Amino acid sequence: MSEIITGEAVVLELRPASFAARSLGSAIDVLVTIALVIGAIFVMGAVPNLLDGAAARAIVLVTLVGIVVALPIAVETATRGKSVGKLVMGLRVVRDDGGSIRFRQALVRGLLAVFEIYMSLGSVAFLVCLFNDKSKRLGDMMAGTYAIRDRAPKSQPLQVHTVPALAPWARLADIGRLPDPLARRVSVFLRQGGRMAGLSREAMGVALADEASAFVAPLPPAGTPPEFFLAALMSERRDREFARLSAAEERAAHLRTLLNGHGVGTNGSRS
């Protein structure tokens, strides 16, 4: 996982594309390019020969340059870092700071791709990608870009509830001081605990419960399993936050109603 801190001090977590995913995406792009070149040659061969040899060779050269160089640059610029292969593999090229690429980055990548992918038969790109942590090819290093996974699985909302035995305690407990970072770690544990090994899950639950106990008063009844305590804690925190936001929305709606009622007279003119 790659962490990027924006100018607003927001941490972005971007997952660089794997070497295999980049390789398959590039292979798809090369196959599409070859198919377009073959199609262009077939079309030009079917057209009656109305030009001399030099003009025909110039047209062929311009067509090949357009397909191999200009077209990929235009596509990456228009789609902000995508191509056919990257679309299939769920990838996107971004700048090193996490922003979308522009024409300059696409131009550098497209020009160097002629050398490292086509002229060297992919050997240069293969070796460069193999020996850096973000699977960058030479064009990425020169342009200041890298590929990320653009298609990530959607995270399901955390489903927790308070067991009936802890309901009386949860209604009275003071949990307002629970730090947000700790709450996020507890949420991750409750979401992913089922995939952990038994001993690791138990140890992590005990550690999180001990840490959360310092911010909860009173503590749950003695003998409460750590996971039951953490689940009740997050469930009650969620319910209280929902109630607080709902009450704030109701007050705002009531205030808007009062302002609208006092601002407009019965005859439609403002008072």
C-alpha atoms as a PDB file:
ATOM      1  CA  MET A   1       0.000   0.000   0.000  1.00  0.00           C
ATOM      2  CA  SER A   2       1.326   3.430  -0.965  1.00  0.00           C
ATOM      3  CA  GLU A   3       0.511   6.387   1.305  1.00  0.00           C
ATOM      4  CA  ILE A   4       0.408   9.916  -0.154  1.00  0.00           C
ATOM      5  CA  ILE A   5      -0.159  13.076   1.905  1.00  0.00           C
ATOM      6  CA  THR A   6      -1.970  15.768  -0.059  1.00  0.00           C
ATOM      7  CA  GLY A   7      -1.600  19.513   0.407  1.00  0.00           C
ATOM      8  CA  GLU A   8      -4.661  19.448   2.689  1.00  0.00           C
ATOM      9  CA  ALA A   9      -2.887  16.890   4.939  1.00  0.00           C
ATOM     10  CA  VAL A  10      -5.221  14.104   3.795  1.00  0.00           C
ATOM     11  CA  VAL A  11      -3.596  10.679   3.618  1.00  0.00           C
ATOM     12  CA  LEU A  12      -4.406   8.762   0.436  1.00  0.00           C
ATOM     13  CA  GLU A  13      -3.864   5.018   0.396  1.00  0.00           C
ATOM     14  CA  LEU A  14      -3.219   3.856  -3.168  1.00  0.00           C
ATOM     15  CA  ARG A  15      -2.468   0.263  -4.034  1.00  0.00           C
ATOM     16  CA  PRO A  16       0.179  -0.024  -6.785  1.00  0.00           C
ATOM     17  CA  ALA A  17      -0.584  -2.475  -9.560  1.00  0.00           C
ATOM     18  CA  SER A  18       1.258  -5.765  -9.385  1.00  0.00           C
ATOM     19  CA  PHE A  19       3.893  -6.737 -11.916  1.00  0.00           C
ATOM     20  CA  ALA A  20       1.640  -9.455 -13.355  1.00  0.00           C
ATOM     21  CA  ALA A  21      -1.335  -7.108 -13.767  1.00  0.00           C
ATOM     22  CA  ARG A  22       0.798  -4.476 -15.507  1.00  0.00           C
ATOM     23  CA  SER A  23       2.334  -7.098 -17.784  1.00  0.00           C
ATOM     24  CA  LEU A  24      -1.042  -8.466 -18.838  1.00  0.00           C
ATOM     25  CA  GLY A  25      -2.407  -4.961 -19.394  1.00  0.00           C
ATOM     26  CA  SER A  26       0.578  -4.029 -21.557  1.00  0.00           C
ATOM     27  CA  ALA A  27       0.255  -7.278 -23.525  1.00  0.00           C
ATOM     28  CA  ILE A  28      -3.395  -6.479 -24.264  1.00  0.00           C
ATOM     29  CA  ASP A  29      -2.436  -2.969 -25.416  1.00  0.00           C
ATOM     30  CA  VAL A  30       0.255  -4.399 -27.720  1.00  0.00           C
ATOM     31  CA  LEU A  31      -2.204  -6.894 -29.222  1.00  0.00           C
ATOM     32  CA  VAL A  32      -4.729  -4.116 -29.828  1.00  0.00           C
ATOM     33  CA  THR A  33      -2.031  -1.995 -31.486  1.00  0.00           C
ATOM     34  CA  ILE A  34      -0.932  -4.883 -33.716  1.00  0.00           C
ATOM     35  CA  ALA A  35      -4.546  -5.525 -34.709  1.00  0.00           C
ATOM     36  CA  LEU A  36      -5.001  -1.846 -35.618  1.00  0.00           C
ATOM     37  CA  VAL A  37      -1.783  -1.836 -37.676  1.00  0.00           C
ATOM     38  CA  ILE A  38      -2.838  -4.969 -39.566  1.00  0.00           C
ATOM     39  CA  GLY A  39      -6.278  -3.469 -40.166  1.00  0.00           C
ATOM     40  CA  ALA A  40      -4.763  -0.223 -41.459  1.00  0.00           C
ATOM     41  CA  ILE A  41      -2.427  -2.102 -43.805  1.00  0.00           C
ATOM     42  CA  PHE A  42      -5.315  -4.186 -45.093  1.00  0.00           C
ATOM     43  CA  VAL A  43      -7.429  -1.084 -45.757  1.00  0.00           C
ATOM     44  CA  MET A  44      -4.582   0.715 -47.529  1.00  0.00           C
ATOM     45  CA  GLY A  45      -3.867  -2.376 -49.610  1.00  0.00           C
ATOM     46  CA  ALA A  46      -7.477  -2.548 -50.714  1.00  0.00           C
ATOM     47  CA  VAL A  47      -7.468   1.049 -51.914  1.00  0.00           C
ATOM     48  CA  PRO A  48      -6.519   1.422 -55.604  1.00  0.00           C
ATOM     49  CA  ASN A  49      -2.901   2.531 -56.026  1.00  0.00           C
ATOM     50  CA  LEU A  50      -3.380   6.161 -57.034  1.00  0.00           C
ATOM     51  CA  LEU A  51      -0.115   7.488 -55.524  1.00  0.00           C
ATOM     52  CA  ASP A  52       3.520   6.939 -56.370  1.00  0.00           C
ATOM     53  CA  GLY A  53       5.821   4.868 -54.170  1.00  0.00           C
ATOM     54  CA  ALA A  54       7.210   7.733 -52.093  1.00  0.00           C
ATOM     55  CA  ALA A  55       3.779   9.126 -51.243  1.00  0.00           C
ATOM     56  CA  ALA A  56       2.480   5.671 -50.365  1.00  0.00           C
ATOM     57  CA  ARG A  57       5.439   5.029 -48.053  1.00  0.00           C
ATOM     58  CA  ALA A  58       4.897   8.404 -46.368  1.00  0.00           C
ATOM     59  CA  ILE A  59       1.226   7.617 -45.763  1.00  0.00           C
ATOM     60  CA  VAL A  60       2.127   4.212 -44.326  1.00  0.00           C
ATOM     61  CA  LEU A  61       4.749   5.769 -42.037  1.00  0.00           C
ATOM     62  CA  VAL A  62       2.374   8.471 -40.783  1.00  0.00           C
ATOM     63  CA  THR A  63      -0.333   5.857 -40.158  1.00  0.00           C
ATOM     64  CA  LEU A  64       2.030   3.612 -38.179  1.00  0.00           C
ATOM     65  CA  VAL A  65       3.303   6.516 -36.065  1.00  0.00           C
ATOM     66  CA  GLY A  66      -0.266   7.614 -35.426  1.00  0.00           C
ATOM     67  CA  ILE A  67      -1.344   4.147 -34.259  1.00  0.00           C
ATOM     68  CA  VAL A  68       1.760   3.250 -32.235  1.00  0.00           C
ATOM     69  CA  VAL A  69       2.562   6.664 -30.712  1.00  0.00           C
ATOM     70  CA  ALA A  70      -0.142   9.307 -31.141  1.00  0.00           C
ATOM     71  CA  LEU A  71      -3.191   7.123 -30.434  1.00  0.00           C
ATOM     72  CA  PRO A  72      -1.984   5.738 -27.045  1.00  0.00           C
ATOM     73  CA  ILE A  73      -0.980   9.255 -25.947  1.00  0.00           C
ATOM     74  CA  ALA A  74      -4.380  10.653 -26.929  1.00  0.00           C
ATOM     75  CA  VAL A  75      -6.257   7.815 -25.190  1.00  0.00           C
ATOM     76  CA  GLU A  76      -4.302   8.108 -21.924  1.00  0.00           C
ATOM     77  CA  THR A  77      -4.730  11.889 -21.943  1.00  0.00           C
ATOM     78  CA  ALA A  78      -8.473  11.729 -22.599  1.00  0.00           C
ATOM     79  CA  THR A  79      -9.151   8.965 -20.059  1.00  0.00           C
ATOM     80  CA  ARG A  80      -6.739  10.330 -17.408  1.00  0.00           C
ATOM     81  CA  GLY A  81      -4.493   7.280 -17.362  1.00  0.00           C
ATOM     82  CA  LYS A  82      -6.432   4.415 -18.874  1.00  0.00           C
ATOM     83  CA  SER A  83      -6.026   2.265 -21.979  1.00  0.00           C
ATOM     84  CA  VAL A  84      -7.751  -0.835 -23.288  1.00  0.00           C
ATOM     85  CA  GLY A  85      -5.420  -3.131 -21.360  1.00  0.00           C
ATOM     86  CA  LYS A  86      -5.682  -1.113 -18.162  1.00  0.00           C
ATOM     87  CA  LEU A  87      -9.471  -0.982 -18.471  1.00  0.00           C
ATOM     88  CA  VAL A  88      -9.599  -4.776 -18.770  1.00  0.00           C
ATOM     89  CA  MET A  89      -7.241  -5.275 -15.812  1.00  0.00           C
ATOM     90  CA  GLY A  90      -8.827  -2.560 -13.646  1.00  0.00           C
ATOM     91  CA  LEU A  91      -5.743  -0.330 -13.594  1.00  0.00           C
ATOM     92  CA  ARG A  92      -5.052   3.377 -13.964  1.00  0.00           C
ATOM     93  CA  VAL A  93      -1.867   5.417 -14.349  1.00  0.00           C
ATOM     94  CA  VAL A  94      -1.514   8.297 -11.864  1.00  0.00           C
ATOM     95  CA  ARG A  95       1.183  10.789 -10.958  1.00  0.00           C
ATOM     96  CA  ASP A  96       3.522  10.080  -8.070  1.00  0.00           C
ATOM     97  CA  ASP A  97       1.473  12.503  -5.942  1.00  0.00           C
ATOM     98  CA  GLY A  98      -1.722  10.533  -6.668  1.00  0.00           C
ATOM     99  CA  GLY A  99      -3.221  13.024  -9.156  1.00  0.00           C
ATOM    100  CA  SER A 100      -4.490  12.311 -12.652  1.00  0.00           C
ATOM    101  CA  ILE A 101      -1.947  12.400 -15.457  1.00  0.00           C
ATOM    102  CA  ARG A 102      -1.992  15.095 -18.122  1.00  0.00           C
ATOM    103  CA  PHE A 103      -0.734  15.350 -21.682  1.00  0.00           C
ATOM    104  CA  ARG A 104       2.878  15.848 -20.603  1.00  0.00           C
ATOM    105  CA  GLN A 105       3.012  12.589 -18.651  1.00  0.00           C
ATOM    106  CA  ALA A 106       1.175  10.702 -21.385  1.00  0.00           C
ATOM    107  CA  LEU A 107       3.574  12.098 -24.008  1.00  0.00           C
ATOM    108  CA  VAL A 108       6.684  10.969 -22.113  1.00  0.00           C
ATOM    109  CA  ARG A 109       5.211   7.519 -21.489  1.00  0.00           C
ATOM    110  CA  GLY A 110       4.089   7.127 -25.099  1.00  0.00           C
ATOM    111  CA  LEU A 111       7.427   8.162 -26.628  1.00  0.00           C
ATOM    112  CA  LEU A 112       9.488   5.919 -24.362  1.00  0.00           C
ATOM    113  CA  ALA A 113       7.088   3.018 -24.933  1.00  0.00           C
ATOM    114  CA  VAL A 114       8.290   2.881 -28.549  1.00  0.00           C
ATOM    115  CA  PHE A 115      11.787   2.015 -27.302  1.00  0.00           C
ATOM    116  CA  GLU A 116      11.154  -0.067 -24.212  1.00  0.00           C
ATOM    117  CA  ILE A 117       8.136  -2.043 -25.461  1.00  0.00           C
ATOM    118  CA  TYR A 118       8.292  -2.220 -29.255  1.00  0.00           C
ATOM    119  CA  MET A 119      11.950  -1.737 -30.252  1.00  0.00           C
ATOM    120  CA  SER A 120      13.310  -3.883 -27.409  1.00  0.00           C
ATOM    121  CA  LEU A 121      10.395  -6.356 -27.633  1.00  0.00           C
ATOM    122  CA  GLY A 122       9.420  -5.494 -24.068  1.00  0.00           C
ATOM    123  CA  SER A 123      12.713  -6.590 -22.506  1.00  0.00           C
ATOM    124  CA  VAL A 124      13.632  -3.134 -21.153  1.00  0.00           C
ATOM    125  CA  ALA A 125      10.182  -2.577 -19.642  1.00  0.00           C
ATOM    126  CA  PHE A 126      10.242  -6.113 -18.188  1.00  0.00           C
ATOM    127  CA  LEU A 127      13.590  -5.657 -16.461  1.00  0.00           C
ATOM    128  CA  VAL A 128      12.838  -2.170 -15.134  1.00  0.00           C
ATOM    129  CA  CYS A 129       9.406  -3.180 -13.771  1.00  0.00           C
ATOM    130  CA  LEU A 130      10.867  -6.257 -12.156  1.00  0.00           C
ATOM    131  CA  PHE A 131      13.310  -4.362  -9.949  1.00  0.00           C
ATOM    132  CA  ASN A 132      11.236  -1.584  -8.367  1.00  0.00           C
ATOM    133  CA  ASP A 133       8.498  -1.747  -5.744  1.00  0.00           C
ATOM    134  CA  LYS A 134       5.795   0.011  -7.811  1.00  0.00           C
ATOM    135  CA  SER A 135       6.411  -1.962 -11.042  1.00  0.00           C
ATOM    136  CA  LYS A 136       7.370   1.226 -12.864  1.00  0.00           C
ATOM    137  CA  ARG A 137       8.723   1.021 -16.388  1.00  0.00           C
ATOM    138  CA  LEU A 138      11.224   3.494 -17.760  1.00  0.00           C
ATOM    139  CA  GLY A 139       8.488   5.781 -19.084  1.00  0.00           C
ATOM    140  CA  ASP A 140       6.926   5.961 -15.621  1.00  0.00           C
ATOM    141  CA  MET A 141      10.235   6.934 -14.036  1.00  0.00           C
ATOM    142  CA  MET A 142      10.786   9.730 -16.547  1.00  0.00           C
ATOM    143  CA  ALA A 143       7.172  10.963 -16.366  1.00  0.00           C
ATOM    144  CA  GLY A 144       6.789  10.611 -12.587  1.00  0.00           C
ATOM    145  CA  THR A 145       3.886   8.174 -12.780  1.00  0.00           C
ATOM    146  CA  TYR A 146       2.922   4.664 -11.752  1.00  0.00           C
ATOM    147  CA  ALA A 147      -0.056   2.327 -12.151  1.00  0.00           C
ATOM    148  CA  ILE A 148      -2.571   1.660  -9.388  1.00  0.00           C
ATOM    149  CA  ARG A 149      -5.462  -0.728  -8.939  1.00  0.00           C
ATOM    150  CA  ASP A 150      -8.501   1.282  -9.947  1.00  0.00           C
ATOM    151  CA  ARG A 151     -11.021  -1.497  -9.407  1.00  0.00           C
ATOM    152  CA  ALA A 152     -11.138  -2.402  -5.715  1.00  0.00           C
ATOM    153  CA  PRO A 153     -13.757  -4.516  -3.949  1.00  0.00           C
ATOM    154  CA  LYS A 154     -16.413  -2.489  -2.187  1.00  0.00           C
ATOM    155  CA  SER A 155     -16.170  -2.648   1.573  1.00  0.00           C
ATOM    156  CA  GLN A 156     -19.359  -3.767   3.287  1.00  0.00           C
ATOM    157  CA  PRO A 157     -20.623  -1.702   6.229  1.00  0.00           C
ATOM    158  CA  LEU A 158     -19.829  -3.132   9.636  1.00  0.00           C
ATOM    159  CA  GLN A 159     -22.764  -5.112  11.025  1.00  0.00           C
ATOM    160  CA  VAL A 160     -22.578  -5.288  14.832  1.00  0.00           C
ATOM    161  CA  HIS A 161     -25.155  -5.491  17.581  1.00  0.00           C
ATOM    162  CA  THR A 162     -25.314  -5.557  21.358  1.00  0.00           C
ATOM    163  CA  VAL A 163     -26.104  -8.910  22.940  1.00  0.00           C
ATOM    164  CA  PRO A 164     -29.213  -8.699  25.195  1.00  0.00           C
ATOM    165  CA  ALA A 165     -27.159  -9.336  28.350  1.00  0.00           C
ATOM    166  CA  LEU A 166     -25.115  -6.171  27.739  1.00  0.00           C
ATOM    167  CA  ALA A 167     -27.997  -3.928  26.641  1.00  0.00           C
ATOM    168  CA  PRO A 168     -28.616  -2.358  30.109  1.00  0.00           C
ATOM    169  CA  TRP A 169     -24.914  -1.592  30.529  1.00  0.00           C
ATOM    170  CA  ALA A 170     -24.573  -0.178  26.994  1.00  0.00           C
ATOM    171  CA  ARG A 171     -27.446   2.275  27.483  1.00  0.00           C
ATOM    172  CA  LEU A 172     -25.760   3.818  30.535  1.00  0.00           C
ATOM    173  CA  ALA A 173     -22.076   3.561  29.613  1.00  0.00           C
ATOM    174  CA  ASP A 174     -20.058   6.692  28.888  1.00  0.00           C
ATOM    175  CA  ILE A 175     -18.225   6.044  25.584  1.00  0.00           C
ATOM    176  CA  GLY A 176     -17.967   9.602  24.268  1.00  0.00           C
ATOM    177  CA  ARG A 177     -14.197   9.807  24.812  1.00  0.00           C
ATOM    178  CA  LEU A 178     -13.343   6.788  22.643  1.00  0.00           C
ATOM    179  CA  PRO A 179     -10.664   8.045  20.163  1.00  0.00           C
ATOM    180  CA  ASP A 180     -11.481   7.731  16.477  1.00  0.00           C
ATOM    181  CA  PRO A 181      -8.239   5.850  15.587  1.00  0.00           C
ATOM    182  CA  LEU A 182      -9.002   3.245  18.237  1.00  0.00           C
ATOM    183  CA  ALA A 183     -12.596   2.967  17.001  1.00  0.00           C
ATOM    184  CA  ARG A 184     -11.319   2.354  13.463  1.00  0.00           C
ATOM    185  CA  ARG A 185      -8.993  -0.412  14.655  1.00  0.00           C
ATOM    186  CA  VAL A 186     -11.831  -2.048  16.574  1.00  0.00           C
ATOM    187  CA  SER A 187     -14.041  -1.861  13.461  1.00  0.00           C
ATOM    188  CA  VAL A 188     -11.351  -3.510  11.344  1.00  0.00           C
ATOM    189  CA  PHE A 189     -10.946  -6.255  13.927  1.00  0.00           C
ATOM    190  CA  LEU A 190     -14.680  -6.942  14.107  1.00  0.00           C
ATOM    191  CA  ARG A 191     -14.922  -6.983  10.307  1.00  0.00           C
ATOM    192  CA  GLN A 192     -11.916  -9.222   9.674  1.00  0.00           C
ATOM    193  CA  GLY A 193     -11.776 -11.253  12.888  1.00  0.00           C
ATOM    194  CA  GLY A 194     -13.531 -14.200  11.291  1.00  0.00           C
ATOM    195  CA  ARG A 195     -10.588 -14.674   8.910  1.00  0.00           C
ATOM    196  CA  MET A 196      -7.954 -14.636  11.664  1.00  0.00           C
ATOM    197  CA  ALA A 197      -6.420 -17.660  13.369  1.00  0.00           C
ATOM    198  CA  GLY A 198      -8.006 -18.524  16.695  1.00  0.00           C
ATOM    199  CA  LEU A 199      -5.117 -17.580  18.974  1.00  0.00           C
ATOM    200  CA  SER A 200      -4.342 -14.381  17.050  1.00  0.00           C
ATOM    201  CA  ARG A 201      -7.989 -13.374  17.118  1.00  0.00           C
ATOM    202  CA  GLU A 202      -8.241 -13.950  20.866  1.00  0.00           C
ATOM    203  CA  ALA A 203      -5.036 -12.038  21.615  1.00  0.00           C
ATOM    204  CA  MET A 204      -6.045  -9.109  19.413  1.00  0.00           C
ATOM    205  CA  GLY A 205      -9.514  -8.982  20.995  1.00  0.00           C
ATOM    206  CA  VAL A 206      -8.073  -8.905  24.515  1.00  0.00           C
ATOM    207  CA  ALA A 207      -5.573  -6.168  23.582  1.00  0.00           C
ATOM    208  CA  LEU A 208      -8.221  -3.955  21.982  1.00  0.00           C
ATOM    209  CA  ALA A 209     -10.656  -4.512  24.853  1.00  0.00           C
ATOM    210  CA  ASP A 210      -7.996  -3.527  27.405  1.00  0.00           C
ATOM    211  CA  GLU A 211      -7.160  -0.392  25.414  1.00  0.00           C
ATOM    212  CA  ALA A 212     -10.813   0.588  24.990  1.00  0.00           C
ATOM    213  CA  SER A 213     -11.560   0.015  28.684  1.00  0.00           C
ATOM    214  CA  ALA A 214      -9.568   3.139  29.565  1.00  0.00           C
ATOM    215  CA  PHE A 215     -12.180   5.283  27.758  1.00  0.00           C
ATOM    216  CA  VAL A 216     -15.356   3.554  28.985  1.00  0.00           C
ATOM    217  CA  ALA A 217     -17.146   3.996  32.307  1.00  0.00           C
ATOM    218  CA  PRO A 218     -18.485   1.960  33.875  1.00  0.00           C
ATOM    219  CA  LEU A 219     -16.838  -1.199  32.573  1.00  0.00           C
ATOM    220  CA  PRO A 220     -19.017  -4.078  31.363  1.00  0.00           C
ATOM    221  CA  PRO A 221     -19.914  -6.876  33.784  1.00  0.00           C
ATOM    222  CA  ALA A 222     -17.014  -9.087  34.822  1.00  0.00           C
ATOM    223  CA  GLY A 223     -16.457 -12.083  32.564  1.00  0.00           C
ATOM    224  CA  THR A 224     -17.768 -10.373  29.420  1.00  0.00           C
ATOM    225  CA  PRO A 225     -15.972 -11.826  26.358  1.00  0.00           C
ATOM    226  CA  PRO A 226     -13.778  -9.183  24.680  1.00  0.00           C
ATOM    227  CA  GLU A 227     -15.520  -9.483  21.308  1.00  0.00           C
ATOM    228  CA  PHE A 228     -18.965  -9.044  22.901  1.00  0.00           C
ATOM    229  CA  PHE A 229     -17.681  -5.951  24.696  1.00  0.00           C
ATOM    230  CA  LEU A 230     -16.150  -4.469  21.516  1.00  0.00           C
ATOM    231  CA  ALA A 231     -19.240  -5.245  19.430  1.00  0.00           C
ATOM    232  CA  ALA A 232     -21.538  -3.618  22.014  1.00  0.00           C
ATOM    233  CA  LEU A 233     -19.207  -0.639  22.201  1.00  0.00           C
ATOM    234  CA  MET A 234     -19.252  -0.034  18.429  1.00  0.00           C
ATOM    235  CA  SER A 235     -22.977  -0.724  18.158  1.00  0.00           C
ATOM    236  CA  GLU A 236     -23.824   1.800  20.874  1.00  0.00           C
ATOM    237  CA  ARG A 237     -21.387   4.338  19.416  1.00  0.00           C
ATOM    238  CA  ARG A 238     -23.045   4.006  16.013  1.00  0.00           C
ATOM    239  CA  ASP A 239     -26.566   4.297  17.422  1.00  0.00           C
ATOM    240  CA  ARG A 240     -25.696   7.382  19.482  1.00  0.00           C
ATOM    241  CA  GLU A 241     -24.034   9.067  16.516  1.00  0.00           C
ATOM    242  CA  PHE A 242     -27.072   8.346  14.356  1.00  0.00           C
ATOM    243  CA  ALA A 243     -29.394   9.758  17.022  1.00  0.00           C
ATOM    244  CA  ARG A 244     -27.228  12.875  17.351  1.00  0.00           C
ATOM    245  CA  LEU A 245     -27.172  13.515  13.602  1.00  0.00           C
ATOM    246  CA  SER A 246     -30.915  12.866  13.305  1.00  0.00           C
ATOM    247  CA  ALA A 247     -31.660  15.325  16.093  1.00  0.00           C
ATOM    248  CA  ALA A 248     -29.422  17.938  14.462  1.00  0.00           C
ATOM    249  CA  GLU A 249     -31.223  17.475  11.147  1.00  0.00           C
ATOM    250  CA  GLU A 250     -34.612  17.829  12.831  1.00  0.00           C
ATOM    251  CA  ARG A 251     -33.513  21.047  14.537  1.00  0.00           C
ATOM    252  CA  ALA A 252     -32.206  22.420  11.251  1.00  0.00           C
ATOM    253  CA  ALA A 253     -35.466  21.529   9.480  1.00  0.00           C
ATOM    254  CA  HIS A 254     -37.498  23.149  12.257  1.00  0.00           C
ATOM    255  CA  LEU A 255     -35.356  26.284  12.067  1.00  0.00           C
ATOM    256  CA  ARG A 256     -35.810  26.472   8.292  1.00  0.00           C
ATOM    257  CA  THR A 257     -39.560  26.183   8.759  1.00  0.00           C
ATOM    258  CA  LEU A 258     -39.580  29.029  11.290  1.00  0.00           C
ATOM    259  CA  LEU A 259     -37.418  31.245   9.086  1.00  0.00           C
ATOM    260  CA  ASN A 260     -39.589  30.615   6.035  1.00  0.00           C
ATOM    261  CA  GLY A 261     -42.744  31.267   8.035  1.00  0.00           C
ATOM    262  CA  HIS A 262     -41.514  34.598   9.425  1.00  0.00           C
ATOM    263  CA  GLY A 263     -39.847  35.699   6.211  1.00  0.00           C
ATOM    264  CA  VAL A 264     -42.882  35.541   3.928  1.00  0.00           C
ATOM    265  CA  GLY A 265     -46.191  37.264   4.691  1.00  0.00           C
ATOM    266  CA  THR A 266     -49.653  35.943   3.993  1.00  0.00           C
ATOM    267  CA  ASN A 267     -49.980  38.040   0.835  1.00  0.00           C
ATOM    268  CA  GLY A 268     -46.726  36.658  -0.559  1.00  0.00           C
ATOM    269  CA  SER A 269     -44.669  39.780   0.286  1.00  0.00           C
ATOM    270  CA  ARG A 270     -41.778  39.712   2.726  1.00  0.00           C
ATOM    271  CA  SER A 271     -42.511  41.043   6.207  1.00  0.00           C
END
